Each structure stands twice: as C-alpha cells, then as structure tokens.
Amino acid sequence: MPMVLLPIILMSLGLGWFFSALGVFLRDIGYVVNVAVRAILFMSPIFYPITAVPKEFLTYFYLNPLSYVVEDARRILIWGQLPDWNWLIYGTLSGIIIAILGYVFFQRVQKEFPRCLIT
C-alpha cells in the first residue's frame, strides 16, 4: 500500500513547494488552491466507484492522478489484487519530476522572499 501512495506524495510535495513559493508573491493563491483541491476531490472516485461514471467522462477522471491512487487502494484493500504497475511506474516518475521541478522553483525564488515581505 505505501508504494501506491508514493506517486501522490511526491506530486503533493512538488506542488506544495511550487504553490508555497508562489503564495509569497500572489497572496490570493490560497483561495485558488482551495477550490482546486475540492474540485479534484469530487472529480475522483472516492465516494463512488469508477464504474458509475459515464464512459464519455472517463477521460477526464483519468486525468486526475488521485483517481489512480484511489482505484489502486480499492483494488488492494477491498479486492486483494495487485496494483496497476503501469500507473505506479508512470505515476512515480511523474511525481519525481514534479517534486524536482517544485524544489528547483522554490530554491530559485527563495532569495526574493524577504523583498516581498517588506512591501
């Protein structure tokens, strides 16, 4: 189960670095992130199975990385099956890339933080 959570942890870490650095410059970014997190929550199959989603909307649901994590967790915990290894590999690689990009962005703009807090 921890392997299934690794991609979303890495993506959250990278996006956290990015949006926390961006939040220093754009104070209202917190409101946008709040709405985006709620939209991602309701566009993932947490409260309902993915089979309940009409076929024409499945593409949008699979653009949400949380959908894969929820489906794999359900597959492991409820059905006793193995996770989707393709998603695990691609999700972990994309999570590593997002974490590295978020960290690099945070490090680059970190020197500007004191200047923004004075004004």
N, C-alpha and C. Protein backbone atom coordinates (compact mmCIF):
# COMPACT_ATOMS: atom_id res chain seq x y z
N MET A 1 0.81 -1.21 0.00
CA MET A 1 0.00 0.00 0.00
C MET A 1 0.86 1.28 0.00
N PRO A 2 1.98 1.31 0.73
CA PRO A 2 2.80 2.54 0.66
C PRO A 2 3.31 2.86 -0.75
N MET A 3 3.55 1.83 -1.54
CA MET A 3 4.00 2.07 -2.91
C MET A 3 2.93 2.76 -3.74
N VAL A 4 1.68 2.47 -3.46
CA VAL A 4 0.58 3.09 -4.19
C VAL A 4 0.48 4.57 -3.83
N LEU A 5 0.81 4.92 -2.60
CA LEU A 5 0.73 6.31 -2.16
C LEU A 5 1.94 7.14 -2.57
N LEU A 6 3.04 6.50 -2.95
CA LEU A 6 4.27 7.23 -3.29
C LEU A 6 4.08 8.26 -4.41
N PRO A 7 3.42 7.94 -5.54
CA PRO A 7 3.27 8.97 -6.58
C PRO A 7 2.51 10.20 -6.10
N ILE A 8 1.46 10.03 -5.34
CA ILE A 8 0.68 11.19 -4.92
C ILE A 8 1.42 11.98 -3.84
N ILE A 9 2.23 11.30 -3.04
CA ILE A 9 3.04 12.00 -2.04
C ILE A 9 4.08 12.87 -2.74
N LEU A 10 4.74 12.32 -3.75
CA LEU A 10 5.75 13.09 -4.49
C LEU A 10 5.12 14.27 -5.23
N MET A 11 3.96 14.04 -5.85
CA MET A 11 3.28 15.14 -6.54
C MET A 11 2.83 16.22 -5.56
N SER A 12 2.34 15.82 -4.42
CA SER A 12 1.92 16.79 -3.41
C SER A 12 3.09 17.59 -2.88
N LEU A 13 4.22 16.93 -2.69
CA LEU A 13 5.42 17.62 -2.23
C LEU A 13 5.87 18.66 -3.24
N GLY A 14 5.95 18.28 -4.51
CA GLY A 14 6.37 19.22 -5.54
C GLY A 14 5.40 20.37 -5.71
N LEU A 15 4.11 20.06 -5.73
CA LEU A 15 3.11 21.14 -5.85
C LEU A 15 3.08 22.01 -4.61
N GLY A 16 3.35 21.42 -3.45
CA GLY A 16 3.42 22.20 -2.21
C GLY A 16 4.55 23.20 -2.25
N TRP A 17 5.74 22.77 -2.71
CA TRP A 17 6.86 23.69 -2.86
C TRP A 17 6.52 24.80 -3.85
N PHE A 18 5.92 24.43 -4.97
CA PHE A 18 5.60 25.41 -6.00
C PHE A 18 4.60 26.45 -5.50
N PHE A 19 3.48 25.98 -4.95
CA PHE A 19 2.43 26.91 -4.53
C PHE A 19 2.79 27.68 -3.27
N SER A 20 3.63 27.13 -2.41
CA SER A 20 4.05 27.89 -1.23
C SER A 20 4.97 29.04 -1.65
N ALA A 21 5.85 28.78 -2.63
CA ALA A 21 6.70 29.86 -3.13
C ALA A 21 5.88 30.88 -3.90
N LEU A 22 4.94 30.42 -4.66
CA LEU A 22 4.08 31.33 -5.42
C LEU A 22 3.18 32.14 -4.49
N GLY A 23 2.81 31.55 -3.36
CA GLY A 23 1.96 32.24 -2.40
C GLY A 23 2.60 33.45 -1.76
N VAL A 24 3.92 33.51 -1.75
CA VAL A 24 4.61 34.69 -1.23
C VAL A 24 4.38 35.88 -2.14
N PHE A 25 4.34 35.63 -3.44
CA PHE A 25 4.18 36.71 -4.41
C PHE A 25 2.72 37.01 -4.71
N LEU A 26 1.88 35.99 -4.74
CA LEU A 26 0.45 36.15 -5.02
C LEU A 26 -0.33 35.70 -3.79
N ARG A 27 -0.76 36.63 -3.01
CA ARG A 27 -1.40 36.32 -1.73
C ARG A 27 -2.69 35.53 -1.87
N ASP A 28 -3.41 35.71 -2.95
CA ASP A 28 -4.71 35.06 -3.11
C ASP A 28 -4.62 33.66 -3.69
N ILE A 29 -3.42 33.14 -3.87
CA ILE A 29 -3.27 31.81 -4.47
C ILE A 29 -3.89 30.74 -3.56
N GLY A 30 -3.95 31.00 -2.28
CA GLY A 30 -4.55 30.05 -1.34
C GLY A 30 -6.02 29.77 -1.65
N TYR A 31 -6.73 30.79 -2.09
CA TYR A 31 -8.14 30.60 -2.43
C TYR A 31 -8.30 29.74 -3.69
N VAL A 32 -7.41 29.94 -4.65
CA VAL A 32 -7.45 29.16 -5.88
C VAL A 32 -7.11 27.70 -5.59
N VAL A 33 -6.10 27.49 -4.75
CA VAL A 33 -5.70 26.13 -4.39
C VAL A 33 -6.83 25.43 -3.64
N ASN A 34 -7.51 26.15 -2.78
CA ASN A 34 -8.63 25.57 -2.02
C ASN A 34 -9.74 25.08 -2.95
N VAL A 35 -10.09 25.87 -3.93
CA VAL A 35 -11.12 25.47 -4.89
C VAL A 35 -10.63 24.31 -5.75
N ALA A 36 -9.37 24.34 -6.16
CA ALA A 36 -8.81 23.26 -6.99
C ALA A 36 -8.78 21.93 -6.22
N VAL A 37 -8.42 21.97 -4.96
CA VAL A 37 -8.38 20.74 -4.16
C VAL A 37 -9.78 20.15 -4.01
N ARG A 38 -10.76 21.00 -3.80
CA ARG A 38 -12.14 20.50 -3.70
C ARG A 38 -12.63 19.91 -5.02
N ALA A 39 -12.26 20.54 -6.13
CA ALA A 39 -12.65 20.02 -7.44
C ALA A 39 -11.98 18.67 -7.69
N ILE A 40 -10.71 18.55 -7.33
CA ILE A 40 -10.01 17.27 -7.51
C ILE A 40 -10.64 16.20 -6.63
N LEU A 41 -11.04 16.55 -5.44
CA LEU A 41 -11.68 15.59 -4.54
C LEU A 41 -12.98 15.05 -5.15
N PHE A 42 -13.82 15.94 -5.65
CA PHE A 42 -15.10 15.50 -6.19
C PHE A 42 -14.99 14.90 -7.58
N MET A 43 -13.87 15.12 -8.26
CA MET A 43 -13.66 14.51 -9.57
C MET A 43 -12.82 13.24 -9.47
N SER A 44 -12.72 12.70 -8.29
CA SER A 44 -12.04 11.42 -8.12
C SER A 44 -13.03 10.42 -7.54
N PRO A 45 -12.88 9.16 -7.85
CA PRO A 45 -13.88 8.15 -7.42
C PRO A 45 -13.70 7.73 -5.95
N ILE A 46 -13.83 8.68 -5.07
CA ILE A 46 -13.73 8.37 -3.64
C ILE A 46 -15.10 7.97 -3.09
N PHE A 47 -16.11 8.72 -3.44
CA PHE A 47 -17.45 8.50 -2.90
C PHE A 47 -18.27 7.53 -3.76
N TYR A 48 -17.74 7.14 -4.89
CA TYR A 48 -18.46 6.27 -5.82
C TYR A 48 -17.43 5.46 -6.61
N PRO A 49 -17.80 4.32 -7.13
CA PRO A 49 -16.85 3.54 -7.94
C PRO A 49 -16.69 4.15 -9.33
N ILE A 50 -15.56 3.89 -9.94
CA ILE A 50 -15.29 4.43 -11.28
C ILE A 50 -16.26 3.86 -12.31
N THR A 51 -16.84 2.71 -12.02
CA THR A 51 -17.79 2.10 -12.96
C THR A 51 -19.11 2.88 -13.02
N ALA A 52 -19.35 3.75 -12.04
CA ALA A 52 -20.57 4.55 -12.03
C ALA A 52 -20.46 5.80 -12.91
N VAL A 53 -19.26 6.07 -13.39
CA VAL A 53 -19.03 7.25 -14.22
C VAL A 53 -19.38 6.92 -15.67
N PRO A 54 -20.15 7.78 -16.34
CA PRO A 54 -20.45 7.53 -17.76
C PRO A 54 -19.18 7.49 -18.60
N LYS A 55 -19.19 6.68 -19.64
CA LYS A 55 -17.99 6.45 -20.45
C LYS A 55 -17.45 7.71 -21.10
N GLU A 56 -18.31 8.65 -21.44
CA GLU A 56 -17.83 9.87 -22.09
C GLU A 56 -17.05 10.78 -21.13
N PHE A 57 -17.16 10.55 -19.81
CA PHE A 57 -16.44 11.36 -18.84
C PHE A 57 -15.22 10.66 -18.25
N LEU A 58 -14.99 9.41 -18.63
CA LEU A 58 -13.88 8.65 -18.05
C LEU A 58 -12.52 9.28 -18.35
N THR A 59 -12.36 9.89 -19.51
CA THR A 59 -11.10 10.52 -19.86
C THR A 59 -10.74 11.61 -18.87
N TYR A 60 -11.73 12.41 -18.47
CA TYR A 60 -11.49 13.47 -17.52
C TYR A 60 -11.13 12.93 -16.14
N PHE A 61 -11.74 11.82 -15.77
CA PHE A 61 -11.44 11.23 -14.48
C PHE A 61 -10.04 10.65 -14.45
N TYR A 62 -9.58 10.13 -15.56
CA TYR A 62 -8.23 9.56 -15.58
C TYR A 62 -7.15 10.61 -15.76
N LEU A 63 -7.51 11.86 -16.02
CA LEU A 63 -6.54 12.95 -15.99
C LEU A 63 -6.18 13.33 -14.55
N ASN A 64 -7.04 12.97 -13.63
CA ASN A 64 -6.84 13.24 -12.22
C ASN A 64 -5.95 12.15 -11.62
N PRO A 65 -4.75 12.48 -11.14
CA PRO A 65 -3.86 11.44 -10.60
C PRO A 65 -4.41 10.79 -9.33
N LEU A 66 -5.29 11.46 -8.63
CA LEU A 66 -5.87 10.88 -7.42
C LEU A 66 -6.78 9.70 -7.75
N SER A 67 -7.35 9.69 -8.95
CA SER A 67 -8.21 8.58 -9.36
C SER A 67 -7.46 7.27 -9.38
N TYR A 68 -6.23 7.30 -9.88
CA TYR A 68 -5.43 6.08 -9.93
C TYR A 68 -5.09 5.58 -8.53
N VAL A 69 -4.77 6.50 -7.64
CA VAL A 69 -4.42 6.10 -6.28
C VAL A 69 -5.63 5.50 -5.57
N VAL A 70 -6.78 6.11 -5.73
CA VAL A 70 -8.00 5.60 -5.10
C VAL A 70 -8.36 4.23 -5.66
N GLU A 71 -8.29 4.09 -6.97
CA GLU A 71 -8.61 2.80 -7.58
C GLU A 71 -7.62 1.71 -7.17
N ASP A 72 -6.33 2.04 -7.11
CA ASP A 72 -5.35 1.05 -6.67
C ASP A 72 -5.53 0.69 -5.20
N ALA A 73 -5.83 1.68 -4.37
CA ALA A 73 -6.07 1.39 -2.95
C ALA A 73 -7.29 0.50 -2.78
N ARG A 74 -8.33 0.77 -3.54
CA ARG A 74 -9.53 -0.06 -3.51
C ARG A 74 -9.22 -1.47 -4.02
N ARG A 75 -8.41 -1.54 -5.06
CA ARG A 75 -8.02 -2.84 -5.62
C ARG A 75 -7.23 -3.67 -4.60
N ILE A 76 -6.35 -3.04 -3.85
CA ILE A 76 -5.53 -3.76 -2.87
C ILE A 76 -6.31 -4.09 -1.61
N LEU A 77 -6.96 -3.08 -1.02
CA LEU A 77 -7.60 -3.26 0.29
C LEU A 77 -8.90 -4.04 0.24
N ILE A 78 -9.70 -3.81 -0.78
CA ILE A 78 -11.01 -4.46 -0.83
C ILE A 78 -10.96 -5.77 -1.61
N TRP A 79 -10.36 -5.73 -2.81
CA TRP A 79 -10.40 -6.89 -3.69
C TRP A 79 -9.20 -7.82 -3.55
N GLY A 80 -8.16 -7.39 -2.84
CA GLY A 80 -7.00 -8.24 -2.64
C GLY A 80 -6.19 -8.49 -3.90
N GLN A 81 -6.22 -7.55 -4.83
CA GLN A 81 -5.48 -7.69 -6.08
C GLN A 81 -4.22 -6.85 -6.05
N LEU A 82 -3.37 -7.04 -7.04
CA LEU A 82 -2.16 -6.24 -7.16
C LEU A 82 -2.49 -4.89 -7.79
N PRO A 83 -1.67 -3.88 -7.53
CA PRO A 83 -1.93 -2.57 -8.14
C PRO A 83 -1.63 -2.57 -9.62
N ASP A 84 -2.05 -1.52 -10.30
CA ASP A 84 -1.75 -1.32 -11.72
C ASP A 84 -0.30 -0.86 -11.82
N TRP A 85 0.58 -1.75 -12.28
CA TRP A 85 2.01 -1.47 -12.29
C TRP A 85 2.36 -0.37 -13.29
N ASN A 86 1.64 -0.29 -14.39
CA ASN A 86 1.92 0.79 -15.36
C ASN A 86 1.72 2.15 -14.72
N TRP A 87 0.58 2.33 -14.05
CA TRP A 87 0.33 3.60 -13.38
C TRP A 87 1.36 3.86 -12.30
N LEU A 88 1.75 2.84 -11.57
CA LEU A 88 2.71 3.00 -10.49
C LEU A 88 4.05 3.50 -11.03
N ILE A 89 4.49 2.95 -12.14
CA ILE A 89 5.77 3.38 -12.73
C ILE A 89 5.65 4.80 -13.28
N TYR A 90 4.63 5.04 -14.11
CA TYR A 90 4.47 6.37 -14.69
C TYR A 90 4.13 7.42 -13.63
N GLY A 91 3.32 7.05 -12.67
CA GLY A 91 2.98 7.99 -11.60
C GLY A 91 4.17 8.35 -10.74
N THR A 92 4.99 7.37 -10.43
CA THR A 92 6.18 7.65 -9.62
C THR A 92 7.18 8.50 -10.39
N LEU A 93 7.38 8.19 -11.66
CA LEU A 93 8.29 9.01 -12.47
C LEU A 93 7.79 10.44 -12.61
N SER A 94 6.51 10.61 -12.87
CA SER A 94 5.97 11.97 -12.98
C SER A 94 5.98 12.66 -11.62
N GLY A 95 5.77 11.91 -10.55
CA GLY A 95 5.85 12.50 -9.22
C GLY A 95 7.25 12.98 -8.89
N ILE A 96 8.26 12.21 -9.29
CA ILE A 96 9.65 12.62 -9.08
C ILE A 96 9.95 13.89 -9.88
N ILE A 97 9.48 13.94 -11.12
CA ILE A 97 9.71 15.12 -11.95
C ILE A 97 9.03 16.35 -11.35
N ILE A 98 7.79 16.20 -10.90
CA ILE A 98 7.07 17.33 -10.30
C ILE A 98 7.74 17.77 -9.01
N ALA A 99 8.21 16.81 -8.21
CA ALA A 99 8.90 17.16 -6.95
C ALA A 99 10.20 17.91 -7.24
N ILE A 100 10.96 17.46 -8.22
CA ILE A 100 12.21 18.14 -8.56
C ILE A 100 11.94 19.54 -9.10
N LEU A 101 10.95 19.68 -10.00
CA LEU A 101 10.63 21.00 -10.54
C LEU A 101 10.12 21.95 -9.46
N GLY A 102 9.30 21.45 -8.55
CA GLY A 102 8.82 22.28 -7.45
C GLY A 102 9.94 22.72 -6.54
N TYR A 103 10.87 21.81 -6.26
CA TYR A 103 12.01 22.15 -5.41
C TYR A 103 12.92 23.18 -6.08
N VAL A 104 13.19 22.99 -7.37
CA VAL A 104 14.03 23.93 -8.10
C VAL A 104 13.39 25.31 -8.15
N PHE A 105 12.08 25.36 -8.40
CA PHE A 105 11.38 26.65 -8.42
C PHE A 105 11.45 27.32 -7.05
N PHE A 106 11.23 26.54 -5.99
CA PHE A 106 11.29 27.10 -4.64
C PHE A 106 12.68 27.67 -4.35
N GLN A 107 13.72 26.94 -4.70
CA GLN A 107 15.09 27.39 -4.44
C GLN A 107 15.42 28.64 -5.25
N ARG A 108 14.92 28.74 -6.45
CA ARG A 108 15.23 29.91 -7.29
C ARG A 108 14.56 31.18 -6.79
N VAL A 109 13.35 31.08 -6.33
CA VAL A 109 12.64 32.30 -5.90
C VAL A 109 12.80 32.57 -4.41
N GLN A 110 13.47 31.69 -3.70
CA GLN A 110 13.61 31.85 -2.24
C GLN A 110 14.35 33.13 -1.88
N LYS A 111 15.30 33.54 -2.68
CA LYS A 111 16.06 34.75 -2.38
C LYS A 111 15.22 36.01 -2.49
N GLU A 112 14.07 35.91 -3.15
CA GLU A 112 13.17 37.07 -3.30
C GLU A 112 12.14 37.17 -2.17
N PHE A 113 12.07 36.19 -1.31
CA PHE A 113 11.06 36.18 -0.24
C PHE A 113 11.18 37.41 0.67
N PRO A 114 12.35 37.76 1.19
CA PRO A 114 12.41 38.93 2.10
C PRO A 114 11.97 40.22 1.44
N ARG A 115 12.26 40.39 0.17
CA ARG A 115 11.87 41.60 -0.54
C ARG A 115 10.36 41.72 -0.65
N CYS A 116 9.66 40.60 -0.80
CA CYS A 116 8.20 40.61 -0.92
C CYS A 116 7.52 40.84 0.42
N LEU A 117 8.15 40.41 1.49
CA LEU A 117 7.54 40.56 2.81
C LEU A 117 7.65 41.98 3.35
N ILE A 118 8.58 42.76 2.83
CA ILE A 118 8.74 44.14 3.30
C ILE A 118 7.64 45.03 2.77
N THR A 119 7.23 44.80 1.51
CA THR A 119 6.22 45.68 0.92
C THR A 119 4.83 45.29 1.34
